[in-house]
Amino acid sequence: MLKRRGFLLALTTGVVALGLVGFAIADELIGVITKVDIAEKQLTVLPKDEEKEIKIKVTDKTEIVTKKGTNPIDLDKMEKFLEKVQDKGGKGIQAKITHEKGVASKIQYKFQMKKKAAAAAAG
C-alpha cells in the first residue's frame, strides 16, 4: 500500500513538472502581422515597441482565436483580412502570438476600441 502511494505521488509530481516545463517553453509575441506568405506558411510580424520584423512559421495545428471562437488557421482568409485592414490605413493585424522556437501554436487577434467608445468608457 505504501509503495503504491509513493509511486502515485512520484508519478503525479512528474506529470505536473512536465506540464510546467512545457508551459515555460512557449513564448508570447505581441505585435502587428504585416505580411502573410501562403507559399512559405509564415507570417511577418512587427513586435510591439520594435523596428525589426520577424518571421513566424505556422502549421496545420496553429489556431486562430477571435471574438467568435477558436478555429484552425486559414492563411487565405488571414491574407484577405490583412489586405482589408491595410486598405483602411492600418499597418496590419494586431495580434498576440503564442509560439515555440518561431512556430506559432495560437494567434489571438487584438481588437482596439474605437476612439469614441473609449472616450465614453473613460467617462
C-alpha atoms as a PDB file:
ATOM      1  CA  MET A   1       0.000   0.000   0.000  1.00  0.00           C
ATOM      2  CA  LEU A   2       2.756   2.439   0.958  1.00  0.00           C
ATOM      3  CA  LYS A   3       4.794   1.628  -2.157  1.00  0.00           C
ATOM      4  CA  ARG A   4       1.772   2.248  -4.353  1.00  0.00           C
ATOM      5  CA  ARG A   5       1.085   5.617  -2.703  1.00  0.00           C
ATOM      6  CA  GLY A   6       4.743   6.646  -3.177  1.00  0.00           C
ATOM      7  CA  PHE A   7       4.602   5.633  -6.836  1.00  0.00           C
ATOM      8  CA  LEU A   8       1.409   7.637  -7.427  1.00  0.00           C
ATOM      9  CA  LEU A   9       2.919  10.664  -5.686  1.00  0.00           C
ATOM     10  CA  ALA A  10       6.081  10.443  -7.816  1.00  0.00           C
ATOM     11  CA  LEU A  11       4.021   9.985 -10.977  1.00  0.00           C
ATOM     12  CA  THR A  12       1.787  12.965 -10.179  1.00  0.00           C
ATOM     13  CA  THR A  13       4.792  15.152  -9.356  1.00  0.00           C
ATOM     14  CA  GLY A  14       6.464  14.156 -12.635  1.00  0.00           C
ATOM     15  CA  VAL A  15       3.384  14.978 -14.707  1.00  0.00           C
ATOM     16  CA  VAL A  16       2.991  18.384 -13.028  1.00  0.00           C
ATOM     17  CA  ALA A  17       6.697  19.146 -13.556  1.00  0.00           C
ATOM     18  CA  LEU A  18       6.473  18.250 -17.254  1.00  0.00           C
ATOM     19  CA  GLY A  19       3.392  20.432 -17.614  1.00  0.00           C
ATOM     20  CA  LEU A  20       5.183  23.407 -16.073  1.00  0.00           C
ATOM     21  CA  VAL A  21       8.246  22.894 -18.259  1.00  0.00           C
ATOM     22  CA  GLY A  22       6.047  22.720 -21.374  1.00  0.00           C
ATOM     23  CA  PHE A  23       4.286  25.900 -20.306  1.00  0.00           C
ATOM     24  CA  ALA A  24       7.540  27.742 -19.687  1.00  0.00           C
ATOM     25  CA  ILE A  25       8.940  26.891 -23.136  1.00  0.00           C
ATOM     26  CA  ALA A  26       6.169  28.643 -25.088  1.00  0.00           C
ATOM     27  CA  ASP A  27       6.818  32.338 -25.804  1.00  0.00           C
ATOM     28  CA  GLU A  28       4.343  35.122 -26.465  1.00  0.00           C
ATOM     29  CA  LEU A  29       4.852  37.755 -29.101  1.00  0.00           C
ATOM     30  CA  ILE A  30       2.655  40.848 -29.177  1.00  0.00           C
ATOM     31  CA  GLY A  31       2.803  42.855 -32.359  1.00  0.00           C
ATOM     32  CA  VAL A  32       1.354  43.537 -35.788  1.00  0.00           C
ATOM     33  CA  ILE A  33       1.100  40.946 -38.559  1.00  0.00           C
ATOM     34  CA  THR A  34       2.263  42.872 -41.638  1.00  0.00           C
ATOM     35  CA  LYS A  35       2.531  40.096 -44.232  1.00  0.00           C
ATOM     36  CA  VAL A  36       1.076  36.636 -44.869  1.00  0.00           C
ATOM     37  CA  ASP A  37       3.165  34.285 -47.034  1.00  0.00           C
ATOM     38  CA  ILE A  38       0.873  31.425 -48.002  1.00  0.00           C
ATOM     39  CA  ALA A  39       3.502  29.501 -50.003  1.00  0.00           C
ATOM     40  CA  GLU A  40       6.054  29.518 -47.164  1.00  0.00           C
ATOM     41  CA  LYS A  41       3.376  29.166 -44.438  1.00  0.00           C
ATOM     42  CA  GLN A  42       4.758  32.072 -42.471  1.00  0.00           C
ATOM     43  CA  LEU A  43       3.790  35.447 -41.107  1.00  0.00           C
ATOM     44  CA  THR A  44       5.879  38.588 -40.918  1.00  0.00           C
ATOM     45  CA  VAL A  45       5.348  40.300 -37.571  1.00  0.00           C
ATOM     46  CA  LEU A  46       6.487  43.684 -36.274  1.00  0.00           C
ATOM     47  CA  PRO A  47       6.848  43.189 -32.500  1.00  0.00           C
ATOM     48  CA  LYS A  48       5.426  45.886 -30.234  1.00  0.00           C
ATOM     49  CA  ASP A  49       7.962  48.653 -29.486  1.00  0.00           C
ATOM     50  CA  GLU A  50      10.491  47.285 -32.012  1.00  0.00           C
ATOM     51  CA  GLU A  51      11.528  48.280 -35.518  1.00  0.00           C
ATOM     52  CA  LYS A  52      12.750  44.948 -36.919  1.00  0.00           C
ATOM     53  CA  GLU A  53      10.208  42.494 -38.317  1.00  0.00           C
ATOM     54  CA  ILE A  54      10.482  38.785 -37.602  1.00  0.00           C
ATOM     55  CA  LYS A  55       9.077  35.737 -39.365  1.00  0.00           C
ATOM     56  CA  ILE A  56       6.866  33.185 -37.597  1.00  0.00           C
ATOM     57  CA  LYS A  57       6.031  29.810 -39.145  1.00  0.00           C
ATOM     58  CA  VAL A  58       2.504  28.381 -38.979  1.00  0.00           C
ATOM     59  CA  THR A  59       1.357  24.773 -39.229  1.00  0.00           C
ATOM     60  CA  ASP A  60      -1.937  22.972 -39.696  1.00  0.00           C
ATOM     61  CA  LYS A  61      -2.125  22.826 -35.880  1.00  0.00           C
ATOM     62  CA  THR A  62      -1.916  26.620 -35.481  1.00  0.00           C
ATOM     63  CA  GLU A  63      -5.177  28.027 -34.111  1.00  0.00           C
ATOM     64  CA  ILE A  64      -6.757  31.452 -34.572  1.00  0.00           C
ATOM     65  CA  VAL A  65      -8.638  32.950 -31.627  1.00  0.00           C
ATOM     66  CA  THR A  66     -11.198  35.643 -32.483  1.00  0.00           C
ATOM     67  CA  LYS A  67     -14.287  37.106 -30.854  1.00  0.00           C
ATOM     68  CA  LYS A  68     -16.249  34.274 -32.486  1.00  0.00           C
ATOM     69  CA  GLY A  69     -14.093  31.473 -31.056  1.00  0.00           C
ATOM     70  CA  THR A  70     -11.127  29.253 -31.949  1.00  0.00           C
ATOM     71  CA  ASN A  71     -10.557  27.839 -35.430  1.00  0.00           C
ATOM     72  CA  PRO A  72      -7.727  26.215 -37.391  1.00  0.00           C
ATOM     73  CA  ILE A  73      -5.632  28.772 -39.270  1.00  0.00           C
ATOM     74  CA  ASP A  74      -6.739  29.689 -42.802  1.00  0.00           C
ATOM     75  CA  LEU A  75      -3.947  31.698 -44.438  1.00  0.00           C
ATOM     76  CA  ASP A  76      -6.148  32.705 -47.383  1.00  0.00           C
ATOM     77  CA  LYS A  77      -8.700  34.307 -45.046  1.00  0.00           C
ATOM     78  CA  MET A  78      -5.933  35.899 -42.978  1.00  0.00           C
ATOM     79  CA  GLU A  79      -4.347  37.402 -46.089  1.00  0.00           C
ATOM     80  CA  LYS A  80      -7.690  38.883 -47.205  1.00  0.00           C
ATOM     81  CA  PHE A  81      -8.314  40.266 -43.699  1.00  0.00           C
ATOM     82  CA  LEU A  82      -4.815  41.794 -43.674  1.00  0.00           C
ATOM     83  CA  GLU A  83      -5.406  43.439 -47.066  1.00  0.00           C
ATOM     84  CA  LYS A  84      -8.715  44.854 -45.795  1.00  0.00           C
ATOM     85  CA  VAL A  85      -7.030  46.305 -42.679  1.00  0.00           C
ATOM     86  CA  GLN A  86      -4.174  47.773 -44.723  1.00  0.00           C
ATOM     87  CA  ASP A  87      -6.591  49.234 -47.308  1.00  0.00           C
ATOM     88  CA  LYS A  88      -8.238  51.146 -44.464  1.00  0.00           C
ATOM     89  CA  GLY A  89      -4.875  52.651 -43.491  1.00  0.00           C
ATOM     90  CA  GLY A  90      -3.813  50.207 -40.800  1.00  0.00           C
ATOM     91  CA  LYS A  91      -0.292  48.772 -40.510  1.00  0.00           C
ATOM     92  CA  GLY A  92      -1.600  45.248 -40.138  1.00  0.00           C
ATOM     93  CA  ILE A  93      -3.421  42.848 -37.836  1.00  0.00           C
ATOM     94  CA  GLN A  94      -2.724  43.380 -34.144  1.00  0.00           C
ATOM     95  CA  ALA A  95      -2.180  40.010 -32.511  1.00  0.00           C
ATOM     96  CA  LYS A  96      -0.734  38.039 -29.628  1.00  0.00           C
ATOM     97  CA  ILE A  97       1.117  35.005 -30.962  1.00  0.00           C
ATOM     98  CA  THR A  98       1.986  32.037 -28.772  1.00  0.00           C
ATOM     99  CA  HIS A  99       4.944  30.234 -30.319  1.00  0.00           C
ATOM    100  CA  GLU A 100       7.749  27.819 -29.613  1.00  0.00           C
ATOM    101  CA  LYS A 101      11.049  28.310 -31.453  1.00  0.00           C
ATOM    102  CA  GLY A 102       9.355  30.525 -34.057  1.00  0.00           C
ATOM    103  CA  VAL A 103       6.466  28.132 -34.803  1.00  0.00           C
ATOM    104  CA  ALA A 104       3.052  29.544 -33.857  1.00  0.00           C
ATOM    105  CA  SER A 105       0.600  27.391 -31.921  1.00  0.00           C
ATOM    106  CA  LYS A 106      -2.020  30.089 -31.265  1.00  0.00           C
ATOM    107  CA  ILE A 107      -2.742  33.508 -32.746  1.00  0.00           C
ATOM    108  CA  GLN A 108      -5.141  35.765 -30.889  1.00  0.00           C
ATOM    109  CA  TYR A 109      -6.376  38.873 -32.674  1.00  0.00           C
ATOM    110  CA  LYS A 110      -6.304  42.027 -30.564  1.00  0.00           C
ATOM    111  CA  PHE A 111      -9.153  44.430 -31.207  1.00  0.00           C
ATOM    112  CA  GLN A 112      -8.856  48.063 -30.195  1.00  0.00           C
ATOM    113  CA  MET A 113     -11.851  50.048 -29.073  1.00  0.00           C
ATOM    114  CA  LYS A 114     -12.952  52.888 -31.300  1.00  0.00           C
ATOM    115  CA  LYS A 115     -11.850  56.291 -30.021  1.00  0.00           C
ATOM    116  CA  LYS A 116     -15.423  57.436 -29.326  1.00  0.00           C
ATOM    117  CA  ALA A 117     -16.243  54.235 -27.411  1.00  0.00           C
ATOM    118  CA  ALA A 118     -13.020  54.546 -25.408  1.00  0.00           C
ATOM    119  CA  ALA A 119     -13.781  58.165 -24.540  1.00  0.00           C
ATOM    120  CA  ALA A 120     -17.327  57.245 -23.447  1.00  0.00           C
ATOM    121  CA  ALA A 121     -15.984  54.401 -21.310  1.00  0.00           C
ATOM    122  CA  ALA A 122     -13.443  56.738 -19.695  1.00  0.00           C
ATOM    123  CA  GLY A 123     -16.211  58.969 -18.540  1.00  0.00           C
END
